[in-house]
C-alpha cells in the first residue's frame, strides 16, 4: 500500500481547497497491486454475500430481524470507537494535526 495526498481531489473541487482537508496534508492509503485489489474485492463480495444468508438463517431459528439489526448497529458503533481510538492515536499529536482524543476536547 502506498500513501498519497489529497492534492488531486483538492485541485478538482475549489470549495475543498480552503478546507482543513487540503491544508493539513492528510494522507490516505491506496492499494496499488492487482493482487491486493482483487483480494479486497473478494473479501467484500464474501461479506456482502453472507449477510442475507445470515439473516435468513437467524429468522428460521426464530430471531426477529429487528434484534439482528440492533446487534449489528451496536457492533458497528463499537468497531468505530475501536478504530478511532487505535488509528486516531497513531503518531505524535501536533498543534496543527491533533490526535483523536485532543480533537474530542476541542469546542
N, C-alpha and C. Protein backbone atom coordinates (compact mmCIF):
# COMPACT_ATOMS: atom_id res chain seq x y z
N UNK A 1 0.84 -1.17 0.00
CA UNK A 1 0.00 0.00 0.00
C UNK A 1 0.89 1.24 0.00
N UNK A 2 0.37 2.26 -0.62
CA UNK A 2 1.14 3.49 -0.72
C UNK A 2 0.31 4.62 -0.13
N UNK A 3 0.98 5.61 0.34
CA UNK A 3 0.33 6.77 0.95
C UNK A 3 0.33 7.92 -0.05
N UNK A 4 -0.84 8.43 -0.35
CA UNK A 4 -0.99 9.54 -1.30
C UNK A 4 -1.66 10.71 -0.61
N UNK A 5 -1.40 11.89 -1.11
CA UNK A 5 -2.04 13.07 -0.56
C UNK A 5 -3.35 13.34 -1.31
N UNK A 6 -4.19 14.16 -0.71
CA UNK A 6 -5.47 14.53 -1.30
C UNK A 6 -5.33 15.69 -2.28
N UNK A 7 -4.13 15.98 -2.76
CA UNK A 7 -3.92 17.17 -3.58
C UNK A 7 -4.71 17.11 -4.89
N UNK A 8 -4.86 15.93 -5.48
CA UNK A 8 -5.63 15.80 -6.72
C UNK A 8 -7.09 16.14 -6.50
N UNK A 9 -7.65 15.70 -5.38
CA UNK A 9 -9.03 15.98 -5.05
C UNK A 9 -9.22 17.47 -4.79
N UNK A 10 -8.26 18.07 -4.12
CA UNK A 10 -8.37 19.49 -3.78
C UNK A 10 -8.33 20.38 -5.02
N UNK A 11 -7.55 19.98 -6.03
CA UNK A 11 -7.49 20.79 -7.24
C UNK A 11 -8.76 20.65 -8.07
N UNK A 12 -9.46 19.53 -7.94
CA UNK A 12 -10.69 19.33 -8.70
C UNK A 12 -11.87 20.11 -8.12
N UNK A 13 -11.91 20.20 -6.80
CA UNK A 13 -13.03 20.87 -6.14
C UNK A 13 -12.55 22.15 -5.47
N UNK A 14 -12.87 23.31 -6.04
CA UNK A 14 -12.39 24.57 -5.46
C UNK A 14 -12.91 24.81 -4.05
N UNK A 15 -14.10 24.28 -3.73
CA UNK A 15 -14.63 24.50 -2.38
C UNK A 15 -13.82 23.75 -1.33
N UNK A 16 -13.09 22.70 -1.73
CA UNK A 16 -12.27 21.96 -0.79
C UNK A 16 -10.90 22.58 -0.59
N UNK A 17 -10.50 23.45 -1.51
CA UNK A 17 -9.14 23.97 -1.44
C UNK A 17 -8.89 24.80 -0.19
N UNK A 18 -9.93 25.42 0.36
CA UNK A 18 -9.75 26.20 1.58
C UNK A 18 -10.01 25.36 2.83
N UNK A 19 -10.50 24.14 2.68
CA UNK A 19 -10.88 23.34 3.84
C UNK A 19 -9.66 22.78 4.55
N UNK A 20 -9.90 22.28 5.74
CA UNK A 20 -8.80 21.72 6.54
C UNK A 20 -8.28 20.42 5.94
N UNK A 21 -9.09 19.75 5.12
CA UNK A 21 -8.64 18.51 4.48
C UNK A 21 -7.45 18.75 3.58
N UNK A 22 -7.47 19.82 2.83
CA UNK A 22 -6.39 20.10 1.90
C UNK A 22 -5.24 20.86 2.55
N UNK A 23 -5.53 21.65 3.55
CA UNK A 23 -4.47 22.46 4.14
C UNK A 23 -3.59 21.67 5.10
N UNK A 24 -4.10 20.58 5.69
CA UNK A 24 -3.31 19.82 6.65
C UNK A 24 -2.46 18.75 6.00
N UNK A 25 -2.67 18.46 4.73
CA UNK A 25 -1.88 17.44 4.06
C UNK A 25 -2.22 16.03 4.54
N UNK A 26 -3.50 15.76 4.78
CA UNK A 26 -3.90 14.43 5.20
C UNK A 26 -3.55 13.42 4.13
N UNK A 27 -3.29 12.19 4.55
CA UNK A 27 -2.91 11.16 3.60
C UNK A 27 -3.88 9.99 3.69
N UNK A 28 -4.01 9.26 2.59
CA UNK A 28 -4.84 8.06 2.58
C UNK A 28 -4.02 6.93 2.00
N UNK A 29 -4.42 5.72 2.30
CA UNK A 29 -3.71 4.55 1.83
C UNK A 29 -4.39 3.98 0.60
N UNK A 30 -3.61 3.65 -0.41
CA UNK A 30 -4.12 3.10 -1.65
C UNK A 30 -3.52 1.72 -1.88
N UNK A 31 -4.34 0.81 -2.36
CA UNK A 31 -3.85 -0.50 -2.76
C UNK A 31 -3.38 -0.34 -4.20
N UNK A 32 -2.11 -0.57 -4.46
CA UNK A 32 -1.57 -0.36 -5.79
C UNK A 32 -1.30 -1.64 -6.55
N UNK A 33 -1.33 -2.79 -5.89
CA UNK A 33 -1.07 -4.04 -6.60
C UNK A 33 -2.40 -4.67 -7.02
N UNK A 34 -2.37 -5.37 -8.14
CA UNK A 34 -3.59 -6.02 -8.61
C UNK A 34 -4.03 -7.12 -7.66
N UNK A 35 -3.07 -7.83 -7.10
CA UNK A 35 -3.40 -8.92 -6.17
C UNK A 35 -4.10 -8.40 -4.92
N UNK A 36 -3.62 -7.27 -4.39
CA UNK A 36 -4.26 -6.70 -3.21
C UNK A 36 -5.66 -6.19 -3.51
N UNK A 37 -5.85 -5.61 -4.70
CA UNK A 37 -7.17 -5.11 -5.09
C UNK A 37 -8.15 -6.27 -5.28
N UNK A 38 -7.69 -7.33 -5.90
CA UNK A 38 -8.56 -8.49 -6.11
C UNK A 38 -8.91 -9.14 -4.77
N UNK A 39 -7.95 -9.21 -3.85
CA UNK A 39 -8.23 -9.76 -2.52
C UNK A 39 -9.26 -8.92 -1.79
N UNK A 40 -9.16 -7.59 -1.90
CA UNK A 40 -10.15 -6.70 -1.26
C UNK A 40 -11.53 -6.90 -1.87
N UNK A 41 -11.59 -7.08 -3.19
CA UNK A 41 -12.89 -7.30 -3.85
C UNK A 41 -13.52 -8.62 -3.42
N UNK A 42 -12.71 -9.68 -3.34
CA UNK A 42 -13.24 -10.97 -2.91
C UNK A 42 -13.70 -10.93 -1.45
N UNK A 43 -12.96 -10.24 -0.62
CA UNK A 43 -13.35 -10.10 0.78
C UNK A 43 -14.68 -9.35 0.90
N UNK A 44 -14.83 -8.27 0.13
CA UNK A 44 -16.08 -7.51 0.16
C UNK A 44 -17.24 -8.34 -0.38
N UNK A 45 -17.00 -9.09 -1.46
CA UNK A 45 -18.06 -9.94 -2.01
C UNK A 45 -18.45 -11.03 -1.03
N UNK A 46 -17.47 -11.58 -0.32
CA UNK A 46 -17.77 -12.61 0.66
C UNK A 46 -18.68 -12.06 1.76
N UNK A 47 -18.32 -10.90 2.30
CA UNK A 47 -19.12 -10.34 3.39
C UNK A 47 -20.48 -9.85 2.90
N UNK A 48 -20.56 -9.32 1.69
CA UNK A 48 -21.85 -8.90 1.16
C UNK A 48 -22.74 -10.10 0.86
N UNK A 49 -22.15 -11.21 0.48
CA UNK A 49 -22.93 -12.41 0.18
C UNK A 49 -23.38 -13.16 1.41
N UNK A 50 -22.65 -13.06 2.50
CA UNK A 50 -23.03 -13.81 3.70
C UNK A 50 -24.07 -13.09 4.54
N UNK A 51 -24.22 -11.79 4.37
CA UNK A 51 -25.18 -11.04 5.18
C UNK A 51 -26.62 -11.50 4.96
N UNK A 52 -27.13 -11.62 3.72
CA UNK A 52 -28.51 -12.11 3.55
C UNK A 52 -28.68 -13.56 4.02
N UNK A 53 -27.67 -14.39 3.81
CA UNK A 53 -27.77 -15.78 4.27
C UNK A 53 -27.81 -15.84 5.79
N UNK A 54 -27.06 -14.99 6.45
CA UNK A 54 -27.06 -14.94 7.90
C UNK A 54 -28.42 -14.48 8.43
N UNK A 55 -29.00 -13.48 7.80
CA UNK A 55 -30.33 -13.01 8.21
C UNK A 55 -31.37 -14.10 8.04
N UNK A 56 -31.33 -14.81 6.92
CA UNK A 56 -32.29 -15.89 6.66
C UNK A 56 -32.14 -17.00 7.70
N UNK A 57 -30.91 -17.37 7.99
CA UNK A 57 -30.68 -18.42 8.97
C UNK A 57 -31.19 -18.02 10.36
N UNK A 58 -30.95 -16.77 10.75
CA UNK A 58 -31.40 -16.31 12.06
C UNK A 58 -32.92 -16.23 12.14
N UNK A 59 -33.58 -15.83 11.03
CA UNK A 59 -35.04 -15.77 11.03
C UNK A 59 -35.65 -17.17 11.12
N UNK A 60 -35.02 -18.14 10.48
CA UNK A 60 -35.51 -19.52 10.56
C UNK A 60 -35.38 -20.08 11.97
N UNK A 61 -34.40 -19.61 12.71
CA UNK A 61 -34.20 -20.07 14.08
C UNK A 61 -35.08 -19.31 15.07
N UNK A 62 -35.88 -18.36 14.58
CA UNK A 62 -36.83 -17.66 15.43
C UNK A 62 -36.39 -16.30 15.91
N UNK A 63 -35.27 -15.80 15.46
CA UNK A 63 -34.80 -14.49 15.90
C UNK A 63 -35.45 -13.41 15.04
N UNK A 64 -35.90 -12.36 15.68
CA UNK A 64 -36.52 -11.26 14.95
C UNK A 64 -35.46 -10.44 14.22
N UNK A 65 -35.77 -9.98 13.00
CA UNK A 65 -34.78 -9.19 12.25
C UNK A 65 -34.41 -7.88 12.96
N UNK A 66 -35.34 -7.31 13.74
CA UNK A 66 -35.04 -6.08 14.45
C UNK A 66 -33.89 -6.30 15.45
N UNK A 67 -33.89 -7.44 16.11
CA UNK A 67 -32.83 -7.73 17.07
C UNK A 67 -31.49 -7.92 16.36
N UNK A 68 -31.53 -8.53 15.19
CA UNK A 68 -30.30 -8.73 14.42
C UNK A 68 -29.72 -7.38 14.00
N UNK A 69 -30.57 -6.49 13.49
CA UNK A 69 -30.10 -5.16 13.08
C UNK A 69 -29.63 -4.34 14.28
N UNK A 70 -30.28 -4.50 15.43
CA UNK A 70 -29.84 -3.80 16.63
C UNK A 70 -28.45 -4.28 17.05
N UNK A 71 -28.25 -5.60 17.03
CA UNK A 71 -26.92 -6.13 17.34
C UNK A 71 -25.87 -5.65 16.35
N UNK A 72 -26.25 -5.62 15.08
CA UNK A 72 -25.34 -5.15 14.03
C UNK A 72 -24.97 -3.68 14.25
N UNK A 73 -25.96 -2.86 14.58
CA UNK A 73 -25.71 -1.43 14.78
C UNK A 73 -24.81 -1.18 16.00
N UNK A 74 -25.06 -1.89 17.08
CA UNK A 74 -24.24 -1.72 18.28
C UNK A 74 -22.81 -2.18 18.01
N UNK A 75 -22.66 -3.31 17.32
CA UNK A 75 -21.33 -3.80 16.99
C UNK A 75 -20.59 -2.84 16.07
N UNK A 76 -21.30 -2.25 15.11
CA UNK A 76 -20.71 -1.28 14.19
C UNK A 76 -20.25 -0.04 14.96
N UNK A 77 -21.03 0.39 15.94
CA UNK A 77 -20.65 1.54 16.76
C UNK A 77 -19.38 1.25 17.56
N UNK A 78 -19.33 0.08 18.20
CA UNK A 78 -18.14 -0.27 18.99
C UNK A 78 -16.91 -0.46 18.11
N UNK A 79 -17.10 -0.98 16.90
CA UNK A 79 -15.98 -1.11 15.97
C UNK A 79 -15.47 0.27 15.56
N UNK A 80 -16.38 1.23 15.35
CA UNK A 80 -15.96 2.59 15.01
C UNK A 80 -15.19 3.23 16.16
N UNK A 81 -15.63 2.99 17.39
CA UNK A 81 -14.90 3.51 18.55
C UNK A 81 -13.51 2.89 18.65
N UNK A 82 -13.43 1.59 18.44
CA UNK A 82 -12.14 0.91 18.50
C UNK A 82 -11.19 1.44 17.44
N UNK A 83 -11.69 1.63 16.23
CA UNK A 83 -10.85 2.16 15.14
C UNK A 83 -10.42 3.59 15.44
N UNK A 84 -11.33 4.40 15.96
CA UNK A 84 -10.99 5.79 16.27
C UNK A 84 -9.93 5.88 17.36
N UNK A 85 -10.05 5.03 18.38
CA UNK A 85 -9.10 5.11 19.49
C UNK A 85 -7.76 4.44 19.16
N UNK A 86 -7.72 3.58 18.16
CA UNK A 86 -6.43 2.97 17.80
C UNK A 86 -5.77 3.74 16.67
N UNK A 87 -6.43 3.87 15.53
CA UNK A 87 -5.83 4.56 14.39
C UNK A 87 -5.77 6.07 14.60
N UNK A 88 -6.68 6.62 15.39
CA UNK A 88 -6.68 8.05 15.65
C UNK A 88 -5.58 8.50 16.58
N UNK A 89 -4.93 7.57 17.25
CA UNK A 89 -3.86 7.90 18.19
C UNK A 89 -2.48 7.53 17.66
N UNK A 90 -2.39 7.09 16.41
CA UNK A 90 -1.09 6.72 15.83
C UNK A 90 -0.28 7.98 15.56
N UNK A 91 0.95 7.97 15.96
CA UNK A 91 1.83 9.10 15.72
C UNK A 91 1.72 10.17 16.79
N UNK A 92 2.65 11.10 16.75
CA UNK A 92 2.63 12.18 17.72
C UNK A 92 1.63 13.24 17.31
N UNK A 93 0.91 13.76 18.29
CA UNK A 93 -0.01 14.85 18.02
C UNK A 93 0.73 16.16 17.89
N UNK A 94 0.35 16.96 16.92
CA UNK A 94 0.94 18.28 16.72
C UNK A 94 -0.15 19.31 16.91
N UNK A 95 0.21 20.56 17.15
CA UNK A 95 -0.83 21.59 17.32
C UNK A 95 -1.72 21.74 16.08
N UNK A 96 -1.15 21.57 14.89
CA UNK A 96 -1.96 21.71 13.68
C UNK A 96 -2.57 20.38 13.23
N UNK A 97 -2.11 19.25 13.79
CA UNK A 97 -2.66 17.93 13.48
C UNK A 97 -2.85 17.13 14.77
N UNK A 98 -3.89 17.47 15.54
CA UNK A 98 -4.06 16.79 16.84
C UNK A 98 -4.56 15.35 16.68
N UNK A 99 -4.32 14.55 17.71
CA UNK A 99 -4.82 13.18 17.74
C UNK A 99 -6.32 13.19 18.03
N UNK A 100 -6.92 12.00 18.01
CA UNK A 100 -8.37 11.86 18.18
C UNK A 100 -8.85 12.41 19.52
N UNK A 101 -8.19 12.03 20.61
CA UNK A 101 -8.64 12.50 21.92
C UNK A 101 -8.48 14.00 22.09
N UNK A 102 -7.45 14.56 21.52
CA UNK A 102 -7.28 16.02 21.58
C UNK A 102 -8.38 16.73 20.81
N UNK A 103 -8.83 16.14 19.72
CA UNK A 103 -9.92 16.76 18.96
C UNK A 103 -11.25 16.65 19.69
N UNK A 104 -11.43 15.61 20.49
CA UNK A 104 -12.66 15.48 21.25
C UNK A 104 -12.80 16.59 22.31
N UNK A 105 -11.66 17.03 22.85
CA UNK A 105 -11.68 18.06 23.88
C UNK A 105 -11.91 19.45 23.32
N UNK A 106 -11.79 19.63 22.01
CA UNK A 106 -11.97 20.96 21.42
C UNK A 106 -13.43 21.34 21.43
N UNK A 107 -13.69 22.63 21.42
CA UNK A 107 -15.05 23.14 21.42
C UNK A 107 -15.64 23.01 20.03
